[in-house]
Amino acid sequence: MTEEREDRWILGLRGLVVIAVRHTGEPSRRVPVLALAAGAELTIDGTADLTHGPASAPGAVSVPADQWEELMGATVLSVVAFTSGGLRVVFDTGHHLNVRGDDPGSLVRVWKPGDFDWPYRGGIGAMTHLGADSP
């Protein structure tokens, strides 16, 4: 279940485990997709930063996209989607995933079957609440 606030949505993914990390697209432009339990997916085509600890913390270490497999088995603690297009995901491993919403070419999509679909591209985003029988 999602919780809507004035400038963000707190997405109901807490407690879901990362069951797969895959990449789609051309070899020159690989797009990471995090598959979560319950069929949920996070797709990030654009500027994203995965760090150990908060990105703004002193000494935060960035994890290159080709090493995101470190997230396998991690449990989601928090997912917040902002109306600005930004996305913040915190995992129990101490990893933080931050996506900036000001990249006009980026596409971010968070989807949980039967619950919600939140795509954001080029300044346009929308939350769609899905019924229990939605794909």
Protein backbone atom coordinates (compact mmCIF):
# COMPACT_ATOMS: atom_id res chain seq x y z
CA MET A 1 0.00 0.00 0.00
CA THR A 2 1.26 3.47 -0.81
CA GLU A 3 1.06 6.55 1.35
CA GLU A 4 0.62 9.82 -0.52
CA ARG A 5 2.06 13.09 0.75
CA GLU A 6 2.19 16.54 -0.83
CA ASP A 7 5.54 16.05 -2.59
CA ARG A 8 6.07 12.27 -2.48
CA TRP A 9 4.71 8.77 -2.28
CA ILE A 10 5.96 6.29 0.28
CA LEU A 11 5.72 3.09 -1.70
CA GLY A 12 4.57 -0.11 -0.02
CA LEU A 13 7.66 -2.21 -0.74
CA ARG A 14 9.06 -2.43 2.79
CA GLY A 15 10.14 -5.96 3.63
CA LEU A 16 10.41 -7.18 0.04
CA VAL A 17 13.62 -9.00 -0.89
CA VAL A 18 15.71 -8.39 -4.02
CA ILE A 19 15.43 -11.72 -5.85
CA ALA A 20 17.23 -10.75 -9.09
CA VAL A 21 19.33 -7.98 -10.57
CA ARG A 22 19.35 -7.94 -14.35
CA HIS A 23 20.24 -5.51 -17.10
CA THR A 24 18.25 -4.83 -20.25
CA GLY A 25 19.01 -2.78 -23.34
CA GLU A 26 21.99 -2.45 -25.63
CA PRO A 27 25.46 -3.47 -24.38
CA SER A 28 26.49 0.19 -24.62
CA ARG A 29 23.50 1.30 -22.53
CA ARG A 30 22.60 -1.29 -19.95
CA VAL A 31 19.52 -0.50 -17.87
CA PRO A 32 19.42 -2.06 -14.39
CA VAL A 33 16.22 -3.74 -13.25
CA LEU A 34 15.78 -4.88 -9.65
CA ALA A 35 13.26 -7.70 -9.32
CA LEU A 36 11.69 -7.87 -5.89
CA ALA A 37 9.55 -10.48 -4.21
CA ALA A 38 5.80 -10.25 -4.90
CA GLY A 39 6.55 -9.47 -8.57
CA ALA A 40 7.59 -5.86 -7.94
CA GLU A 41 10.22 -4.26 -10.18
CA LEU A 42 12.40 -1.18 -10.15
CA THR A 43 13.74 -0.02 -13.54
CA ILE A 44 16.26 2.81 -13.73
CA ASP A 45 17.31 4.18 -17.11
CA GLY A 46 19.28 7.28 -16.26
CA THR A 47 21.41 8.80 -13.55
CA ALA A 48 21.40 6.68 -10.41
CA ASP A 49 23.80 6.33 -7.53
CA LEU A 50 24.04 3.21 -5.37
CA THR A 51 26.15 3.80 -2.28
CA HIS A 52 27.08 2.07 0.94
CA GLY A 53 25.43 4.47 3.38
CA PRO A 54 23.59 7.68 2.48
CA ALA A 55 25.06 9.42 -0.58
CA SER A 56 25.46 12.64 1.40
CA ALA A 57 27.37 10.97 4.24
CA PRO A 58 31.11 11.55 4.52
CA GLY A 59 32.96 8.56 3.12
CA ALA A 60 29.99 7.13 1.18
CA VAL A 61 31.28 4.68 -1.42
CA SER A 62 29.58 4.44 -4.83
CA VAL A 63 28.89 1.00 -6.28
CA PRO A 64 29.26 0.76 -10.08
CA ALA A 65 26.11 -0.41 -11.92
CA ASP A 66 27.84 -3.60 -13.05
CA GLN A 67 28.26 -4.56 -9.38
CA TRP A 68 24.66 -4.02 -8.30
CA GLU A 69 24.38 -7.79 -7.90
CA GLU A 70 25.53 -7.03 -4.33
CA LEU A 71 21.86 -6.26 -3.70
CA MET A 72 20.79 -9.90 -4.20
CA GLY A 73 19.02 -11.01 -1.04
CA ALA A 74 18.82 -7.47 0.39
CA THR A 75 15.56 -6.45 2.05
CA VAL A 76 13.92 -3.13 1.22
CA LEU A 77 13.53 -0.85 4.23
CA SER A 78 12.09 2.19 2.46
CA VAL A 79 11.11 3.40 -1.03
CA VAL A 80 10.15 7.02 -1.56
CA ALA A 81 9.15 8.39 -4.99
CA PHE A 82 9.13 12.18 -5.25
CA THR A 83 6.86 14.27 -7.46
CA SER A 84 10.10 15.80 -8.82
CA GLY A 85 10.97 12.38 -10.28
CA GLY A 86 13.57 11.50 -7.71
CA LEU A 87 13.61 8.11 -6.04
CA ARG A 88 15.24 6.97 -2.80
CA VAL A 89 15.53 3.32 -1.82
CA VAL A 90 17.14 2.07 1.40
CA PHE A 91 18.14 -1.57 1.94
CA ASP A 92 18.96 -3.52 5.10
CA THR A 93 22.51 -4.03 3.80
CA GLY A 94 23.25 -0.32 4.28
CA HIS A 95 22.95 0.37 0.54
CA HIS A 96 21.12 3.51 -0.55
CA LEU A 97 19.89 3.97 -4.12
CA ASN A 98 19.23 7.53 -5.23
CA VAL A 99 17.85 8.59 -8.59
CA ARG A 100 17.82 12.23 -9.56
CA GLY A 101 14.60 13.44 -11.11
CA ASP A 102 16.12 16.34 -13.03
CA ASP A 103 17.70 14.25 -15.82
CA PRO A 104 15.34 14.86 -18.79
CA GLY A 105 16.38 11.65 -20.53
CA SER A 106 15.93 9.36 -17.56
CA LEU A 107 13.15 6.86 -17.04
CA VAL A 108 12.34 5.47 -13.63
CA ARG A 109 9.59 2.95 -13.04
CA VAL A 110 8.49 1.25 -9.85
CA TRP A 111 5.76 -1.31 -10.28
CA LYS A 112 4.02 -3.72 -7.95
CA PRO A 113 1.36 -5.93 -9.56
CA GLY A 114 -2.13 -5.40 -8.18
CA ASP A 115 -0.98 -2.36 -6.17
CA PHE A 116 0.63 0.51 -8.11
CA ASP A 117 2.63 1.68 -11.12
CA TRP A 118 4.83 4.78 -10.84
CA PRO A 119 6.67 5.73 -14.06
CA TYR A 120 8.56 8.99 -14.40
CA ARG A 121 10.15 10.33 -17.59
CA GLY A 122 11.30 13.79 -18.60
CA GLY A 123 9.38 15.74 -15.99
CA ILE A 124 6.17 13.76 -16.33
CA GLY A 125 5.17 11.22 -13.74
CA ALA A 126 2.03 9.75 -12.39
CA MET A 127 0.94 7.31 -9.75
CA THR A 128 -1.56 4.72 -10.90
CA HIS A 129 -3.24 2.60 -8.27
CA LEU A 130 -3.99 -0.85 -9.63
CA GLY A 131 -6.77 -3.22 -8.63
CA ALA A 132 -6.05 -6.65 -7.20
CA ASP A 133 -6.65 -8.25 -10.61
CA SER A 134 -4.34 -5.87 -12.54
CA PRO A 135 -1.17 -7.30 -14.13
